[in-house]
C-alpha atoms as a PDB file:
ATOM      1  CA  UNK A   1       0.000   0.000   0.000  1.00  0.00           C
ATOM      2  CA  UNK A   2       1.276   3.464  -0.890  1.00  0.00           C
ATOM      3  CA  UNK A   3       0.931   6.501   1.354  1.00  0.00           C
ATOM      4  CA  UNK A   4      -1.644   7.843  -1.128  1.00  0.00           C
ATOM      5  CA  UNK A   5      -3.756   4.716  -0.681  1.00  0.00           C
ATOM      6  CA  UNK A   6      -3.273   4.958   3.082  1.00  0.00           C
ATOM      7  CA  UNK A   7      -4.641   8.529   3.091  1.00  0.00           C
ATOM      8  CA  UNK A   8      -7.618   7.661   0.927  1.00  0.00           C
ATOM      9  CA  UNK A   9      -8.561   4.746   3.170  1.00  0.00           C
ATOM     10  CA  UNK A  10      -7.891   6.300   6.584  1.00  0.00           C
ATOM     11  CA  UNK A  11     -10.823   7.372   8.798  1.00  0.00           C
ATOM     12  CA  UNK A  12     -11.348  11.125   9.055  1.00  0.00           C
ATOM     13  CA  UNK A  13     -13.333  13.839  10.809  1.00  0.00           C
ATOM     14  CA  UNK A  14     -13.920  17.275   9.288  1.00  0.00           C
ATOM     15  CA  UNK A  15     -14.639  20.325  11.424  1.00  0.00           C
ATOM     16  CA  UNK A  16     -14.550  23.230   8.960  1.00  0.00           C
ATOM     17  CA  UNK A  17     -16.619  22.877   5.808  1.00  0.00           C
ATOM     18  CA  UNK A  18     -19.465  25.071   4.544  1.00  0.00           C
ATOM     19  CA  UNK A  19     -22.623  23.340   3.365  1.00  0.00           C
ATOM     20  CA  UNK A  20     -23.409  25.850   0.622  1.00  0.00           C
ATOM     21  CA  UNK A  21     -19.724  26.093  -0.265  1.00  0.00           C
ATOM     22  CA  UNK A  22     -19.451  22.325  -0.616  1.00  0.00           C
ATOM     23  CA  UNK A  23     -22.094  22.244  -3.369  1.00  0.00           C
ATOM     24  CA  UNK A  24     -20.781  20.170  -6.258  1.00  0.00           C
ATOM     25  CA  UNK A  25     -21.327  21.249  -9.884  1.00  0.00           C
ATOM     26  CA  UNK A  26     -23.602  18.235 -10.398  1.00  0.00           C
ATOM     27  CA  UNK A  27     -25.860  19.311  -7.522  1.00  0.00           C
ATOM     28  CA  UNK A  28     -25.933  22.908  -8.690  1.00  0.00           C
ATOM     29  CA  UNK A  29     -26.980  21.842 -12.174  1.00  0.00           C
ATOM     30  CA  UNK A  30     -29.864  19.778 -10.750  1.00  0.00           C
ATOM     31  CA  UNK A  31     -31.114  22.736  -8.725  1.00  0.00           C
ATOM     32  CA  UNK A  32     -30.668  25.210 -11.588  1.00  0.00           C
ATOM     33  CA  UNK A  33     -32.662  23.028 -13.985  1.00  0.00           C
ATOM     34  CA  UNK A  34     -35.374  22.520 -11.370  1.00  0.00           C
ATOM     35  CA  UNK A  35     -35.823  26.276 -10.900  1.00  0.00           C
ATOM     36  CA  UNK A  36     -34.924  27.440 -14.425  1.00  0.00           C
ATOM     37  CA  UNK A  37     -31.922  29.409 -13.208  1.00  0.00           C
ATOM     38  CA  UNK A  38     -29.411  30.340 -15.906  1.00  0.00           C
ATOM     39  CA  UNK A  39     -25.846  29.239 -15.172  1.00  0.00           C
ATOM     40  CA  UNK A  40     -22.607  30.206 -16.952  1.00  0.00           C
ATOM     41  CA  UNK A  41     -22.556  26.641 -18.352  1.00  0.00           C
ATOM     42  CA  UNK A  42     -25.248  24.008 -18.846  1.00  0.00           C
ATOM     43  CA  UNK A  43     -23.085  20.881 -18.728  1.00  0.00           C
ATOM     44  CA  UNK A  44     -21.215  19.215 -15.884  1.00  0.00           C
ATOM     45  CA  UNK A  45     -17.928  19.688 -17.710  1.00  0.00           C
ATOM     46  CA  UNK A  46     -18.631  23.367 -18.276  1.00  0.00           C
ATOM     47  CA  UNK A  47     -19.605  23.921 -14.652  1.00  0.00           C
ATOM     48  CA  UNK A  48     -16.510  22.135 -13.397  1.00  0.00           C
ATOM     49  CA  UNK A  49     -14.444  24.514 -15.486  1.00  0.00           C
ATOM     50  CA  UNK A  50     -16.405  27.490 -14.105  1.00  0.00           C
ATOM     51  CA  UNK A  51     -15.861  26.272 -10.528  1.00  0.00           C
ATOM     52  CA  UNK A  52     -12.060  26.402 -10.867  1.00  0.00           C
ATOM     53  CA  UNK A  53     -10.835  29.148  -8.544  1.00  0.00           C
ATOM     54  CA  UNK A  54      -9.758  32.365 -10.257  1.00  0.00           C
ATOM     55  CA  UNK A  55      -9.985  35.119  -7.659  1.00  0.00           C
ATOM     56  CA  UNK A  56     -12.010  36.248  -4.660  1.00  0.00           C
ATOM     57  CA  UNK A  57     -14.699  37.909  -6.794  1.00  0.00           C
ATOM     58  CA  UNK A  58     -15.214  34.810  -8.904  1.00  0.00           C
ATOM     59  CA  UNK A  59     -15.454  32.785  -5.684  1.00  0.00           C
ATOM     60  CA  UNK A  60     -18.193  35.169  -4.541  1.00  0.00           C
ATOM     61  CA  UNK A  61     -20.039  34.847  -7.853  1.00  0.00           C
ATOM     62  CA  UNK A  62     -20.242  31.076  -7.449  1.00  0.00           C
ATOM     63  CA  UNK A  63     -21.523  31.411  -3.889  1.00  0.00           C
ATOM     64  CA  UNK A  64     -24.220  33.856  -5.018  1.00  0.00           C
ATOM     65  CA  UNK A  65     -25.336  31.548  -7.811  1.00  0.00           C
ATOM     66  CA  UNK A  66     -25.551  28.576  -5.440  1.00  0.00           C
ATOM     67  CA  UNK A  67     -27.685  30.617  -3.054  1.00  0.00           C
ATOM     68  CA  UNK A  68     -29.916  31.684  -5.942  1.00  0.00           C
ATOM     69  CA  UNK A  69     -30.570  28.022  -6.799  1.00  0.00           C
ATOM     70  CA  UNK A  70     -31.568  27.061  -3.244  1.00  0.00           C
ATOM     71  CA  UNK A  71     -35.290  27.850  -3.153  1.00  0.00           C
ATOM     72  CA  UNK A  72     -37.069  25.211  -1.055  1.00  0.00           C
ATOM     73  CA  UNK A  73     -36.494  22.898   1.931  1.00  0.00           C
ATOM     74  CA  UNK A  74     -36.300  19.991  -0.528  1.00  0.00           C
ATOM     75  CA  UNK A  75     -33.359  21.743  -2.199  1.00  0.00           C
ATOM     76  CA  UNK A  76     -31.597  21.985   1.154  1.00  0.00           C
ATOM     77  CA  UNK A  77     -32.241  18.312   1.870  1.00  0.00           C
ATOM     78  CA  UNK A  78     -30.839  17.330  -1.548  1.00  0.00           C
ATOM     79  CA  UNK A  79     -27.789  19.536  -0.990  1.00  0.00           C
ATOM     80  CA  UNK A  80     -27.148  17.966   2.412  1.00  0.00           C
ATOM     81  CA  UNK A  81     -27.674  14.390   1.245  1.00  0.00           C
ATOM     82  CA  UNK A  82     -25.287  14.775  -1.672  1.00  0.00           C
ATOM     83  CA  UNK A  83     -22.728  16.486   0.555  1.00  0.00           C
ATOM     84  CA  UNK A  84     -22.869  13.629   3.060  1.00  0.00           C
ATOM     85  CA  UNK A  85     -22.539  11.067   0.275  1.00  0.00           C
ATOM     86  CA  UNK A  86     -19.313  12.798  -0.712  1.00  0.00           C
ATOM     87  CA  UNK A  87     -18.090  12.759   2.887  1.00  0.00           C
ATOM     88  CA  UNK A  88     -18.868   9.054   3.260  1.00  0.00           C
ATOM     89  CA  UNK A  89     -16.978   8.306   0.027  1.00  0.00           C
ATOM     90  CA  UNK A  90     -13.882   9.848   1.637  1.00  0.00           C
ATOM     91  CA  UNK A  91     -14.328   7.823   4.837  1.00  0.00           C
ATOM     92  CA  UNK A  92     -15.171  11.000   6.773  1.00  0.00           C
ATOM     93  CA  UNK A  93     -17.143   9.503   9.631  1.00  0.00           C
ATOM     94  CA  UNK A  94     -18.224  12.767  11.263  1.00  0.00           C
ATOM     95  CA  UNK A  95     -18.540  16.306   9.883  1.00  0.00           C
ATOM     96  CA  UNK A  96     -19.285  19.591  11.635  1.00  0.00           C
ATOM     97  CA  UNK A  97     -20.780  21.756   8.958  1.00  0.00           C
ATOM     98  CA  UNK A  98     -21.225  25.502   8.851  1.00  0.00           C
ATOM     99  CA  UNK A  99     -24.468  26.804   7.350  1.00  0.00           C
ATOM    100  CA  UNK A 100     -25.846  30.335   6.963  1.00  0.00           C
ATOM    101  CA  UNK A 101     -29.629  30.066   7.402  1.00  0.00           C
ATOM    102  CA  UNK A 102     -30.343  33.790   7.699  1.00  0.00           C
ATOM    103  CA  UNK A 103     -29.440  34.303   4.023  1.00  0.00           C
ATOM    104  CA  UNK A 104     -32.214  31.963   2.896  1.00  0.00           C
ATOM    105  CA  UNK A 105     -34.641  33.374   5.461  1.00  0.00           C
ATOM    106  CA  UNK A 106     -34.028  36.965   4.384  1.00  0.00           C
ATOM    107  CA  UNK A 107     -33.825  36.436   0.628  1.00  0.00           C
ATOM    108  CA  UNK A 108     -36.501  33.778   0.147  1.00  0.00           C
ATOM    109  CA  UNK A 109     -38.546  33.787   3.325  1.00  0.00           C
ATOM    110  CA  UNK A 110     -37.611  30.204   4.237  1.00  0.00           C
ATOM    111  CA  UNK A 111     -38.383  29.709   7.938  1.00  0.00           C
ATOM    112  CA  UNK A 112     -35.399  28.419   9.863  1.00  0.00           C
ATOM    113  CA  UNK A 113     -37.460  25.555  11.256  1.00  0.00           C
ATOM    114  CA  UNK A 114     -38.134  24.331   7.700  1.00  0.00           C
ATOM    115  CA  UNK A 115     -34.479  24.649   6.745  1.00  0.00           C
ATOM    116  CA  UNK A 116     -33.372  22.738   9.832  1.00  0.00           C
ATOM    117  CA  UNK A 117     -35.972  20.015   9.340  1.00  0.00           C
ATOM    118  CA  UNK A 118     -34.658  19.433   5.816  1.00  0.00           C
ATOM    119  CA  UNK A 119     -31.065  19.188   7.048  1.00  0.00           C
ATOM    120  CA  UNK A 120     -32.084  16.865   9.867  1.00  0.00           C
ATOM    121  CA  UNK A 121     -33.892  14.538   7.433  1.00  0.00           C
ATOM    122  CA  UNK A 122     -30.674  14.291   5.442  1.00  0.00           C
ATOM    123  CA  UNK A 123     -28.622  13.781   8.609  1.00  0.00           C
ATOM    124  CA  UNK A 124     -30.855  10.941   9.764  1.00  0.00           C
ATOM    125  CA  UNK A 125     -30.747   9.330   6.311  1.00  0.00           C
ATOM    126  CA  UNK A 126     -26.948   9.530   6.154  1.00  0.00           C
ATOM    127  CA  UNK A 127     -26.500   8.033   9.603  1.00  0.00           C
ATOM    128  CA  UNK A 128     -28.842   5.145   8.811  1.00  0.00           C
ATOM    129  CA  UNK A 129     -27.731   4.485   5.228  1.00  0.00           C
ATOM    130  CA  UNK A 130     -24.109   5.647   5.094  1.00  0.00           C
ATOM    131  CA  UNK A 131     -22.939   5.318   8.678  1.00  0.00           C
ATOM    132  CA  UNK A 132     -21.759   8.934   8.923  1.00  0.00           C
ATOM    133  CA  UNK A 133     -22.837  11.682  11.317  1.00  0.00           C
ATOM    134  CA  UNK A 134     -23.039  15.450  11.114  1.00  0.00           C
ATOM    135  CA  UNK A 135     -23.425  18.382  13.481  1.00  0.00           C
ATOM    136  CA  UNK A 136     -24.616  21.802  12.340  1.00  0.00           C
ATOM    137  CA  UNK A 137     -22.926  25.109  13.120  1.00  0.00           C
ATOM    138  CA  UNK A 138     -25.242  27.948  12.114  1.00  0.00           C
ATOM    139  CA  UNK A 139     -23.279  31.097  11.532  1.00  0.00           C
ATOM    140  CA  UNK A 140     -23.785  34.835  11.488  1.00  0.00           C
ATOM    141  CA  UNK A 141     -22.402  36.488   8.376  1.00  0.00           C
ATOM    142  CA  UNK A 142     -20.255  39.317   9.725  1.00  0.00           C
ATOM    143  CA  UNK A 143     -21.700  41.913   7.369  1.00  0.00           C
ATOM    144  CA  UNK A 144     -25.270  41.675   8.714  1.00  0.00           C
ATOM    145  CA  UNK A 145     -26.417  44.079  11.409  1.00  0.00           C
ATOM    146  CA  UNK A 146     -26.078  43.154  15.079  1.00  0.00           C
ATOM    147  CA  UNK A 147     -29.878  42.926  15.237  1.00  0.00           C
ATOM    148  CA  UNK A 148     -29.906  40.426  12.369  1.00  0.00           C
ATOM    149  CA  UNK A 149     -27.127  38.476  14.067  1.00  0.00           C
ATOM    150  CA  UNK A 150     -29.305  38.133  17.145  1.00  0.00           C
ATOM    151  CA  UNK A 151     -31.916  36.322  15.060  1.00  0.00           C
ATOM    152  CA  UNK A 152     -29.417  33.557  14.260  1.00  0.00           C
ATOM    153  CA  UNK A 153     -28.274  33.521  17.886  1.00  0.00           C
ATOM    154  CA  UNK A 154     -31.833  32.876  19.063  1.00  0.00           C
ATOM    155  CA  UNK A 155     -32.179  30.049  16.547  1.00  0.00           C
ATOM    156  CA  UNK A 156     -29.022  28.460  17.959  1.00  0.00           C
ATOM    157  CA  UNK A 157     -30.378  28.687  21.493  1.00  0.00           C
ATOM    158  CA  UNK A 158     -33.812  27.336  20.585  1.00  0.00           C
ATOM    159  CA  UNK A 159     -32.504  24.379  18.563  1.00  0.00           C
ATOM    160  CA  UNK A 160     -29.473  23.315  20.591  1.00  0.00           C
ATOM    161  CA  UNK A 161     -30.979  19.853  21.025  1.00  0.00           C
ATOM    162  CA  UNK A 162     -32.159  19.529  17.440  1.00  0.00           C
ATOM    163  CA  UNK A 163     -28.919  19.135  15.493  1.00  0.00           C
ATOM    164  CA  UNK A 164     -27.467  22.615  16.072  1.00  0.00           C
ATOM    165  CA  UNK A 165     -24.161  22.207  17.906  1.00  0.00           C
ATOM    166  CA  UNK A 166     -22.808  25.778  17.837  1.00  0.00           C
ATOM    167  CA  UNK A 167     -23.146  29.384  16.726  1.00  0.00           C
ATOM    168  CA  UNK A 168     -20.468  30.548  14.313  1.00  0.00           C
ATOM    169  CA  UNK A 169     -19.248  33.720  12.644  1.00  0.00           C
ATOM    170  CA  UNK A 170     -18.235  33.804   8.976  1.00  0.00           C
ATOM    171  CA  UNK A 171     -18.143  36.154   6.027  1.00  0.00           C
ATOM    172  CA  UNK A 172     -15.889  39.168   5.371  1.00  0.00           C
ATOM    173  CA  UNK A 173     -13.470  39.450   8.280  1.00  0.00           C
ATOM    174  CA  UNK A 174     -11.929  42.864   7.643  1.00  0.00           C
ATOM    175  CA  UNK A 175     -14.083  45.667   8.994  1.00  0.00           C
ATOM    176  CA  UNK A 176     -16.423  43.274  10.804  1.00  0.00           C
ATOM    177  CA  UNK A 177     -14.711  42.168  14.035  1.00  0.00           C
ATOM    178  CA  UNK A 178     -16.326  39.760  16.495  1.00  0.00           C
ATOM    179  CA  UNK A 179     -17.057  42.716  18.742  1.00  0.00           C
ATOM    180  CA  UNK A 180     -19.755  43.802  16.283  1.00  0.00           C
ATOM    181  CA  UNK A 181     -21.827  40.768  17.306  1.00  0.00           C
ATOM    182  CA  UNK A 182     -20.742  40.660  20.946  1.00  0.00           C
ATOM    183  CA  UNK A 183     -24.311  40.633  22.279  1.00  0.00           C
ATOM    184  CA  UNK A 184     -25.251  37.612  20.150  1.00  0.00           C
ATOM    185  CA  UNK A 185     -22.287  35.620  21.420  1.00  0.00           C
ATOM    186  CA  UNK A 186     -22.872  36.743  24.995  1.00  0.00           C
ATOM    187  CA  UNK A 187     -26.441  35.473  24.944  1.00  0.00           C
ATOM    188  CA  UNK A 188     -25.512  32.195  23.321  1.00  0.00           C
ATOM    189  CA  UNK A 189     -22.575  31.580  25.649  1.00  0.00           C
ATOM    190  CA  UNK A 190     -24.662  32.334  28.738  1.00  0.00           C
ATOM    191  CA  UNK A 191     -27.326  29.926  27.511  1.00  0.00           C
ATOM    192  CA  UNK A 192     -24.759  27.134  27.393  1.00  0.00           C
ATOM    193  CA  UNK A 193     -24.513  26.873  23.599  1.00  0.00           C
ATOM    194  CA  UNK A 194     -21.026  26.512  22.088  1.00  0.00           C
ATOM    195  CA  UNK A 195     -19.460  29.268  19.968  1.00  0.00           C
ATOM    196  CA  UNK A 196     -17.069  28.465  17.101  1.00  0.00           C
ATOM    197  CA  UNK A 197     -15.883  31.509  15.140  1.00  0.00           C
ATOM    198  CA  UNK A 198     -13.854  32.074  11.996  1.00  0.00           C
ATOM    199  CA  UNK A 199     -10.876  34.316  12.738  1.00  0.00           C
ATOM    200  CA  UNK A 200      -7.265  34.944  11.776  1.00  0.00           C
ATOM    201  CA  UNK A 201      -7.696  34.362   8.053  1.00  0.00           C
ATOM    202  CA  UNK A 202      -7.979  37.641   6.150  1.00  0.00           C
ATOM    203  CA  UNK A 203      -7.570  39.629   9.378  1.00  0.00           C
ATOM    204  CA  UNK A 204      -4.744  39.223  11.856  1.00  0.00           C
ATOM    205  CA  UNK A 205      -4.199  38.192  15.446  1.00  0.00           C
ATOM    206  CA  UNK A 206      -6.573  40.826  16.820  1.00  0.00           C
ATOM    207  CA  UNK A 207      -9.437  38.968  15.139  1.00  0.00           C
ATOM    208  CA  UNK A 208      -8.492  35.776  16.978  1.00  0.00           C
ATOM    209  CA  UNK A 209      -8.241  37.595  20.300  1.00  0.00           C
ATOM    210  CA  UNK A 210     -11.738  38.961  19.673  1.00  0.00           C
ATOM    211  CA  UNK A 211     -13.057  35.497  18.862  1.00  0.00           C
ATOM    212  CA  UNK A 212     -11.671  34.192  22.141  1.00  0.00           C
ATOM    213  CA  UNK A 213     -12.578  37.055  24.481  1.00  0.00           C
ATOM    214  CA  UNK A 214     -15.812  38.407  23.011  1.00  0.00           C
ATOM    215  CA  UNK A 215     -16.917  35.411  20.949  1.00  0.00           C
ATOM    216  CA  UNK A 216     -16.144  32.761  23.607  1.00  0.00           C
ATOM    217  CA  UNK A 217     -14.915  30.549  20.768  1.00  0.00           C
ATOM    218  CA  UNK A 218     -13.859  27.018  21.743  1.00  0.00           C
ATOM    219  CA  UNK A 219     -12.164  26.465  18.370  1.00  0.00           C
ATOM    220  CA  UNK A 220     -10.811  28.883  15.800  1.00  0.00           C
ATOM    221  CA  UNK A 221     -11.880  28.577  12.185  1.00  0.00           C
ATOM    222  CA  UNK A 222      -8.587  29.065  10.278  1.00  0.00           C
ATOM    223  CA  UNK A 223      -6.422  30.875  12.857  1.00  0.00           C
ATOM    224  CA  UNK A 224      -3.241  30.674  10.772  1.00  0.00           C
ATOM    225  CA  UNK A 225      -2.364  34.320  11.406  1.00  0.00           C
ATOM    226  CA  UNK A 226      -1.941  33.665  15.118  1.00  0.00           C
ATOM    227  CA  UNK A 227       1.778  33.414  14.369  1.00  0.00           C
ATOM    228  CA  UNK A 228       1.881  37.211  14.069  1.00  0.00           C
ATOM    229  CA  UNK A 229       1.496  37.489  17.857  1.00  0.00           C
ATOM    230  CA  UNK A 230       3.747  35.409  20.159  1.00  0.00           C
ATOM    231  CA  UNK A 231       1.470  36.084  23.144  1.00  0.00           C
ATOM    232  CA  UNK A 232      -1.480  34.674  21.209  1.00  0.00           C
ATOM    233  CA  UNK A 233       0.537  31.617  20.187  1.00  0.00           C
ATOM    234  CA  UNK A 234       1.350  31.058  23.858  1.00  0.00           C
ATOM    235  CA  UNK A 235      -2.338  31.383  24.798  1.00  0.00           C
ATOM    236  CA  UNK A 236      -3.479  28.953  22.108  1.00  0.00           C
ATOM    237  CA  UNK A 237      -0.740  26.485  23.029  1.00  0.00           C
ATOM    238  CA  UNK A 238      -1.413  26.641  26.776  1.00  0.00           C
ATOM    239  CA  UNK A 239      -5.163  26.139  26.383  1.00  0.00           C
ATOM    240  CA  UNK A 240      -4.815  23.776  23.403  1.00  0.00           C
ATOM    241  CA  UNK A 241      -7.543  25.600  21.501  1.00  0.00           C
ATOM    242  CA  UNK A 242      -8.051  23.737  18.223  1.00  0.00           C
ATOM    243  CA  UNK A 243      -7.292  25.496  14.948  1.00  0.00           C
ATOM    244  CA  UNK A 244      -9.352  24.490  11.909  1.00  0.00           C
ATOM    245  CA  UNK A 245      -6.646  24.882   9.258  1.00  0.00           C
ATOM    246  CA  UNK A 246      -7.658  24.936   5.575  1.00  0.00           C
ATOM    247  CA  UNK A 247      -4.457  25.134   3.480  1.00  0.00           C
ATOM    248  CA  UNK A 248      -5.844  25.205  -0.077  1.00  0.00           C
ATOM    249  CA  UNK A 249      -8.392  27.834   0.919  1.00  0.00           C
ATOM    250  CA  UNK A 250      -5.596  29.947   2.424  1.00  0.00           C
ATOM    251  CA  UNK A 251      -3.588  29.747  -0.800  1.00  0.00           C
ATOM    252  CA  UNK A 252      -6.529  30.531  -3.091  1.00  0.00           C
ATOM    253  CA  UNK A 253      -7.641  33.523  -1.019  1.00  0.00           C
ATOM    254  CA  UNK A 254      -4.128  34.927  -0.766  1.00  0.00           C
ATOM    255  CA  UNK A 255      -3.632  34.399   2.958  1.00  0.00           C
ATOM    256  CA  UNK A 256      -0.342  32.702   2.034  1.00  0.00           C
ATOM    257  CA  UNK A 257       1.482  32.909  -1.318  1.00  0.00           C
ATOM    258  CA  UNK A 258       1.775  29.168  -2.022  1.00  0.00           C
ATOM    259  CA  UNK A 259       1.123  25.765  -0.524  1.00  0.00           C
ATOM    260  CA  UNK A 260       4.830  25.223   0.043  1.00  0.00           C
ATOM    261  CA  UNK A 261       4.915  28.405   2.152  1.00  0.00           C
ATOM    262  CA  UNK A 262       1.884  27.525   4.245  1.00  0.00           C
ATOM    263  CA  UNK A 263       2.552  27.844   8.005  1.00  0.00           C
ATOM    264  CA  UNK A 264       1.084  24.426   8.875  1.00  0.00           C
ATOM    265  CA  UNK A 265       4.507  22.927   9.767  1.00  0.00           C
ATOM    266  CA  UNK A 266       5.292  25.896  12.004  1.00  0.00           C
ATOM    267  CA  UNK A 267       1.892  25.692  13.715  1.00  0.00           C
ATOM    268  CA  UNK A 268       2.620  22.051  14.525  1.00  0.00           C
ATOM    269  CA  UNK A 269       6.183  22.836  15.621  1.00  0.00           C
ATOM    270  CA  UNK A 270       4.837  25.516  17.985  1.00  0.00           C
ATOM    271  CA  UNK A 271       2.844  22.840  19.791  1.00  0.00           C
ATOM    272  CA  UNK A 272      -0.542  24.172  18.649  1.00  0.00           C
ATOM    273  CA  UNK A 273      -3.621  21.992  18.289  1.00  0.00           C
ATOM    274  CA  UNK A 274      -3.985  21.630  14.521  1.00  0.00           C
ATOM    275  CA  UNK A 275      -6.763  20.015  12.508  1.00  0.00           C
ATOM    276  CA  UNK A 276      -7.022  19.742   8.725  1.00  0.00           C
ATOM    277  CA  UNK A 277     -10.107  20.830   6.746  1.00  0.00           C
ATOM    278  CA  UNK A 278     -11.336  21.728   3.246  1.00  0.00           C
ATOM    279  CA  UNK A 279     -13.527  24.861   3.818  1.00  0.00           C
ATOM    280  CA  UNK A 280     -15.367  25.214   0.452  1.00  0.00           C
ATOM    281  CA  UNK A 281     -13.936  22.165  -1.313  1.00  0.00           C
ATOM    282  CA  UNK A 282     -15.193  22.340  -4.931  1.00  0.00           C
ATOM    283  CA  UNK A 283     -14.532  26.083  -5.065  1.00  0.00           C
ATOM    284  CA  UNK A 284     -10.914  25.557  -4.019  1.00  0.00           C
ATOM    285  CA  UNK A 285     -10.498  22.480  -6.235  1.00  0.00           C
ATOM    286  CA  UNK A 286      -9.945  20.200  -3.262  1.00  0.00           C
ATOM    287  CA  UNK A 287     -11.417  17.668  -0.849  1.00  0.00           C
ATOM    288  CA  UNK A 288     -10.415  16.774   2.690  1.00  0.00           C
ATOM    289  CA  UNK A 289      -8.603  13.747   1.259  1.00  0.00           C
ATOM    290  CA  UNK A 290      -6.741  16.060  -1.119  1.00  0.00           C
ATOM    291  CA  UNK A 291      -5.695  18.265   1.804  1.00  0.00           C
ATOM    292  CA  UNK A 292      -4.132  15.254   3.529  1.00  0.00           C
ATOM    293  CA  UNK A 293      -2.408  14.261   0.284  1.00  0.00           C
ATOM    294  CA  UNK A 294      -1.059  17.778  -0.192  1.00  0.00           C
ATOM    295  CA  UNK A 295       0.367  18.145   3.318  1.00  0.00           C
ATOM    296  CA  UNK A 296       1.992  14.724   2.980  1.00  0.00           C
ATOM    297  CA  UNK A 297       3.548  15.770  -0.333  1.00  0.00           C
ATOM    298  CA  UNK A 298       4.656  19.312   0.531  1.00  0.00           C
ATOM    299  CA  UNK A 299       5.678  18.847   4.156  1.00  0.00           C
ATOM    300  CA  UNK A 300       6.769  15.229   4.247  1.00  0.00           C
ATOM    301  CA  UNK A 301       4.152  14.212   6.800  1.00  0.00           C
ATOM    302  CA  UNK A 302       4.049  10.470   7.267  1.00  0.00           C
ATOM    303  CA  UNK A 303       1.625   8.065   8.858  1.00  0.00           C
ATOM    304  CA  UNK A 304       2.305   9.224  12.422  1.00  0.00           C
ATOM    305  CA  UNK A 305       1.614  12.888  11.706  1.00  0.00           C
ATOM    306  CA  UNK A 306      -1.428  12.124   9.546  1.00  0.00           C
ATOM    307  CA  UNK A 307      -2.939   9.913  12.228  1.00  0.00           C
ATOM    308  CA  UNK A 308      -2.368  12.624  14.821  1.00  0.00           C
ATOM    309  CA  UNK A 309      -4.153  15.213  12.657  1.00  0.00           C
ATOM    310  CA  UNK A 310      -7.102  12.842  12.223  1.00  0.00           C
ATOM    311  CA  UNK A 311      -7.291  12.119  15.963  1.00  0.00           C
ATOM    312  CA  UNK A 312      -6.971  15.824  16.748  1.00  0.00           C
ATOM    313  CA  UNK A 313     -10.087  16.492  14.670  1.00  0.00           C
ATOM    314  CA  UNK A 314     -11.960  13.668  16.368  1.00  0.00           C
ATOM    315  CA  UNK A 315     -11.167  14.855  19.891  1.00  0.00           C
ATOM    316  CA  UNK A 316     -12.000  18.486  19.009  1.00  0.00           C
ATOM    317  CA  UNK A 317     -15.446  17.517  17.678  1.00  0.00           C
ATOM    318  CA  UNK A 318     -18.562  18.572  19.597  1.00  0.00           C
ATOM    319  CA  UNK A 319     -19.579  15.004  20.283  1.00  0.00           C
ATOM    320  CA  UNK A 320     -20.316  13.334  23.621  1.00  0.00           C
ATOM    321  CA  UNK A 321     -17.154  12.008  25.235  1.00  0.00           C
ATOM    322  CA  UNK A 322     -18.362   8.412  25.095  1.00  0.00           C
ATOM    323  CA  UNK A 323     -18.938   8.738  21.332  1.00  0.00           C
ATOM    324  CA  UNK A 324     -15.463  10.184  20.822  1.00  0.00           C
ATOM    325  CA  UNK A 325     -13.956   7.401  22.900  1.00  0.00           C
ATOM    326  CA  UNK A 326     -15.744   4.773  20.821  1.00  0.00           C
ATOM    327  CA  UNK A 327     -14.685   6.429  17.562  1.00  0.00           C
ATOM    328  CA  UNK A 328     -11.126   6.749  18.837  1.00  0.00           C
ATOM    329  CA  UNK A 329     -10.979   3.009  19.396  1.00  0.00           C
ATOM    330  CA  UNK A 330     -12.260   2.474  15.862  1.00  0.00           C
ATOM    331  CA  UNK A 331      -9.795   4.992  14.412  1.00  0.00           C
ATOM    332  CA  UNK A 332      -6.814   3.404  16.138  1.00  0.00           C
ATOM    333  CA  UNK A 333      -7.824  -0.085  15.002  1.00  0.00           C
ATOM    334  CA  UNK A 334      -8.236   1.066  11.409  1.00  0.00           C
ATOM    335  CA  UNK A 335      -4.955   2.961  11.449  1.00  0.00           C
ATOM    336  CA  UNK A 336      -3.157  -0.064  12.853  1.00  0.00           C
ATOM    337  CA  UNK A 337      -4.546  -2.244  10.069  1.00  0.00           C
ATOM    338  CA  UNK A 338      -3.590   0.317   7.438  1.00  0.00           C
ATOM    339  CA  UNK A 339      -0.067   0.633   8.860  1.00  0.00           C
ATOM    340  CA  UNK A 340       0.498  -3.085   8.467  1.00  0.00           C
ATOM    341  CA  UNK A 341      -0.139  -2.648   4.752  1.00  0.00           C
ATOM    342  CA  UNK A 342       1.903   0.531   4.430  1.00  0.00           C
ATOM    343  CA  UNK A 343       5.358  -0.488   3.279  1.00  0.00           C
ATOM    344  CA  UNK A 344       8.327   1.432   4.566  1.00  0.00           C
ATOM    345  CA  UNK A 345       6.599   3.182   7.495  1.00  0.00           C
ATOM    346  CA  UNK A 346       7.397   2.136  11.067  1.00  0.00           C
ATOM    347  CA  UNK A 347       4.529   1.681  13.488  1.00  0.00           C
ATOM    348  CA  UNK A 348       4.311   4.136  16.374  1.00  0.00           C
ATOM    349  CA  UNK A 349       1.327   4.971  18.514  1.00  0.00           C
ATOM    350  CA  UNK A 350      -0.140   8.421  17.772  1.00  0.00           C
ATOM    351  CA  UNK A 351      -1.621  10.553  20.526  1.00  0.00           C
ATOM    352  CA  UNK A 352      -4.337  13.160  20.374  1.00  0.00           C
ATOM    353  CA  UNK A 353      -4.113  16.747  21.577  1.00  0.00           C
END
């Protein structure tokens, strides 16, 4: 077995992936034809070409078109089912997925309860039929008003026991710090609901500090720019706050100039809690499996380091401890079996954390 085959077969958990942003060209074409929405191409091949990342504005155009094609709860269920099929095909046993319900509520009048019911139908189907699970992080887009952000916060509080595992913060980072939505995160935190914010991607260390102090974030979505502030690195290392690192996304959006120059090796060397994720996979021409393949290729990570990244993601997931313990046993057994088939790699026990 080659290392490539090892990576494709290994069990995985993904913590940072956007439901709308994970829409495949095939799914988009189905929705566009259903609702008679004109797309830049009317074939799968043409759409795949259109999806190839060009620049930030093109990325935004694709996102807008996907949103335009999501019109009904059935569309959301289809989107979620096909996403989870793709996760299962990569042996991703659990996903924590970010979703922006307020967009569809504001633009199309879709009640959140109907959106959530559609997602939960797909979640139940995937668990029964595919053996994979999913938790939902509903996020505030930073550019909405604080009052609009509170709407999403109330949804998170009301539906904490109905598939919603956290309140997030996404969208344009510059000019929209976590402090803008401080009241939303205060209410959610005081209610006992988890907060998981994006920070430290297109804005620097101050954004991460805000996510921690004002946003009460238990993980940091991206977080790669923490290295700009040694005090922040020390804080993240001491508290072992997980970073949801998305290398291909960082390269495409210009956070770093190239994959080879990505700070992932330094983050690991600093003793930080690193997990690997795909963000908006088809838009960045990647998958979670591809991200593992790329870090193995560019940074020379072998079986030990790859197993540790996978276990890090598992232990950082918002799952009950007994579920994580059970999955950890399964992960370790599968990794041990895979290692026996992986020629040229010595066996060593990996640890989480």
